[in-house]
Amino acid sequence: MGYTQTGIEEVLELKKRSVYTLEARRYKLTPRFAFLLKDKYEEAGVEFTDAGGSFGPGIRWRNPGKKDPFKRVLLPAARGLANLSQAQLAKIADIDRNFIARLEQDDFDSVDMKKLARLEEALRVQNVEFVSETSTSGAGVRWIRTIDDS
């Protein structure tokens, strides 16, 4: 949804740096916090999807129409699913971490489509894929196959 760590903390009235410590694995996700996060995202139009026949669970916009041609909003969700920092994904994709940071912050004049393709391929290697928008649901990210299949 484009929230910063501080932004989601303010929305959910959490202590400062709670999301940072959670993402850095220095803080255990409590059930209360997990439900607060899930509810907030669902209120904003996000849908958590179950595994299907040939793919694993994921997350997507409930309705079509969210414009994100360069995956600026979907990229952090994909990194989260793969449990990768910007630096880790940059290393796997063999690109500069600043490209990812600028992309996620919507701070660019133009996007190098070759680098974007390398990011997508690096995520596919990590078992995560972007899902295109359909006539009934929005774009998202998901596991390519269920965890048990890997």
Protein backbone atom coordinates (compact mmCIF):
# COMPACT_ATOMS: atom_id res chain seq x y z
CA MET A 1 0.00 0.00 0.00
CA GLY A 2 3.04 2.21 0.07
CA TYR A 3 3.26 2.62 3.84
CA THR A 4 6.62 3.40 5.35
CA GLN A 5 7.59 1.64 8.56
CA THR A 6 6.76 4.81 10.50
CA GLY A 7 3.50 5.24 8.61
CA ILE A 8 2.15 1.80 9.52
CA GLU A 9 3.27 2.34 13.13
CA GLU A 10 1.25 5.57 13.25
CA VAL A 11 -1.82 3.99 11.64
CA LEU A 12 -1.77 1.07 14.08
CA GLU A 13 -0.62 3.18 17.04
CA LEU A 14 2.46 1.05 17.62
CA LYS A 15 5.65 1.98 19.43
CA LYS A 16 8.27 3.75 17.35
CA ARG A 17 10.56 1.35 15.42
CA SER A 18 8.25 -1.66 16.06
CA VAL A 19 8.04 -2.51 12.36
CA TYR A 20 11.79 -2.06 11.92
CA THR A 21 12.59 -4.45 14.76
CA LEU A 22 9.99 -6.91 13.44
CA GLU A 23 11.48 -6.85 9.94
CA ALA A 24 14.99 -7.16 11.39
CA ARG A 25 13.79 -10.27 13.28
CA ARG A 26 14.51 -8.70 16.65
CA TYR A 27 10.87 -8.70 17.65
CA LYS A 28 8.40 -11.54 17.67
CA LEU A 29 5.15 -10.99 15.78
CA THR A 30 2.42 -11.37 18.37
CA PRO A 31 -1.02 -12.64 17.32
CA ARG A 32 -2.57 -9.26 18.23
CA PHE A 33 -0.09 -7.38 16.04
CA ALA A 34 -0.55 -9.88 13.19
CA PHE A 35 -4.34 -9.46 13.26
CA LEU A 36 -4.02 -5.65 13.41
CA LEU A 37 -1.78 -5.66 10.35
CA LYS A 38 -3.97 -8.09 8.43
CA ASP A 39 -7.15 -6.14 9.23
CA LYS A 40 -5.56 -2.83 8.20
CA TYR A 41 -4.41 -4.24 4.87
CA GLU A 42 -7.78 -5.88 4.19
CA GLU A 43 -9.57 -2.59 4.98
CA ALA A 44 -7.38 -0.94 2.35
CA GLY A 45 -8.36 -3.48 -0.33
CA VAL A 46 -5.66 -6.12 0.01
CA GLU A 47 -6.59 -9.79 -0.20
CA PHE A 48 -4.58 -12.67 1.25
CA THR A 49 -4.86 -15.63 -1.13
CA ASP A 50 -4.71 -19.34 -0.46
CA ALA A 51 -2.59 -21.84 -2.35
CA GLY A 52 -4.02 -23.25 -5.58
CA GLY A 53 -3.22 -26.33 -7.63
CA SER A 54 0.11 -25.17 -9.02
CA PHE A 55 0.99 -22.19 -6.83
CA GLY A 56 1.31 -21.20 -3.21
CA PRO A 57 -0.35 -18.52 -1.08
CA GLY A 58 0.10 -14.83 -1.74
CA ILE A 59 -1.29 -11.34 -1.51
CA ARG A 60 -3.02 -9.14 -4.10
CA TRP A 61 -5.29 -6.17 -4.54
CA ARG A 62 -8.87 -7.35 -4.10
CA ASN A 63 -10.09 -5.31 -7.08
CA PRO A 64 -8.47 -4.48 -10.41
CA GLY A 65 -7.48 -0.95 -11.29
CA LYS A 66 -4.46 -0.14 -9.09
CA LYS A 67 -1.87 1.24 -11.47
CA ASP A 68 1.64 -0.01 -10.63
CA PRO A 69 3.39 -0.53 -13.99
CA PHE A 70 6.89 -0.72 -12.48
CA LYS A 71 5.85 -2.82 -9.45
CA ARG A 72 6.81 -0.06 -7.01
CA VAL A 73 4.18 -1.17 -4.49
CA LEU A 74 4.35 -4.89 -5.29
CA LEU A 75 8.13 -5.12 -4.98
CA PRO A 76 8.25 -4.70 -1.18
CA ALA A 77 5.47 -7.32 -0.90
CA ALA A 78 7.50 -9.70 -3.07
CA ARG A 79 10.65 -9.04 -1.04
CA GLY A 80 8.67 -9.64 2.14
CA LEU A 81 7.38 -12.95 0.86
CA ALA A 82 10.93 -13.98 -0.09
CA ASN A 83 12.23 -12.55 3.21
CA LEU A 84 14.83 -10.44 1.41
CA SER A 85 16.15 -6.99 2.22
CA GLN A 86 16.81 -4.52 -0.57
CA ALA A 87 20.53 -5.30 -0.28
CA GLN A 88 19.99 -9.07 -0.45
CA LEU A 89 17.74 -8.81 -3.53
CA ALA A 90 20.18 -6.42 -5.20
CA LYS A 91 23.00 -8.92 -4.68
CA ILE A 92 20.96 -11.82 -6.12
CA ALA A 93 19.85 -9.70 -9.10
CA ASP A 94 23.35 -8.22 -9.53
CA ILE A 95 22.11 -4.64 -9.52
CA ASP A 96 22.70 -1.58 -7.36
CA ARG A 97 20.58 -1.50 -4.17
CA ASN A 98 19.86 2.17 -4.85
CA PHE A 99 17.83 1.15 -7.92
CA ILE A 100 15.50 -0.87 -5.66
CA ALA A 101 15.32 1.91 -3.06
CA ARG A 102 14.48 4.56 -5.68
CA LEU A 103 11.93 2.27 -7.31
CA GLU A 104 10.14 1.53 -4.04
CA GLN A 105 10.14 5.23 -3.09
CA ASP A 106 8.82 6.25 -6.53
CA ASP A 107 11.92 8.42 -6.88
CA PHE A 108 13.02 7.94 -10.47
CA ASP A 109 12.89 9.77 -13.79
CA SER A 110 12.91 6.59 -15.83
CA VAL A 111 13.05 2.87 -15.08
CA ASP A 112 15.66 0.56 -16.57
CA MET A 113 13.43 -2.28 -17.78
CA LYS A 114 16.39 -4.68 -17.97
CA LYS A 115 17.08 -4.15 -14.27
CA LEU A 116 13.39 -4.60 -13.49
CA ALA A 117 13.42 -7.89 -15.42
CA ARG A 118 16.49 -8.99 -13.43
CA LEU A 119 14.65 -8.24 -10.20
CA GLU A 120 11.70 -10.35 -11.34
CA GLU A 121 14.00 -13.22 -12.29
CA ALA A 122 15.87 -13.02 -8.98
CA LEU A 123 12.54 -13.28 -7.15
CA ARG A 124 11.48 -16.24 -9.31
CA VAL A 125 14.69 -18.00 -8.23
CA GLN A 126 13.48 -17.39 -4.66
CA ASN A 127 10.12 -19.04 -5.54
CA VAL A 128 8.15 -15.75 -5.69
CA GLU A 129 6.31 -14.35 -8.70
CA PHE A 130 4.28 -11.30 -9.63
CA VAL A 131 0.67 -12.03 -10.57
CA SER A 132 -1.01 -9.92 -13.24
CA GLU A 133 -4.29 -8.15 -12.77
CA THR A 134 -7.38 -9.91 -14.12
CA SER A 135 -10.87 -8.62 -14.88
CA THR A 136 -11.98 -9.66 -11.37
CA SER A 137 -8.93 -9.16 -9.13
CA GLY A 138 -5.93 -6.93 -8.83
CA ALA A 139 -2.24 -7.65 -9.30
CA GLY A 140 -0.22 -9.28 -6.54
CA VAL A 141 2.58 -11.61 -5.55
CA ARG A 142 2.56 -15.28 -4.55
CA TRP A 143 4.70 -18.32 -4.01
CA ILE A 144 5.27 -20.07 -7.35
CA ARG A 145 4.63 -23.42 -5.69
CA THR A 146 3.64 -24.41 -2.22
CA ILE A 147 6.40 -24.62 0.36
CA ASP A 148 5.87 -28.40 0.65
CA ASP A 149 6.59 -28.76 -3.11
CA SER A 150 10.00 -27.10 -2.99
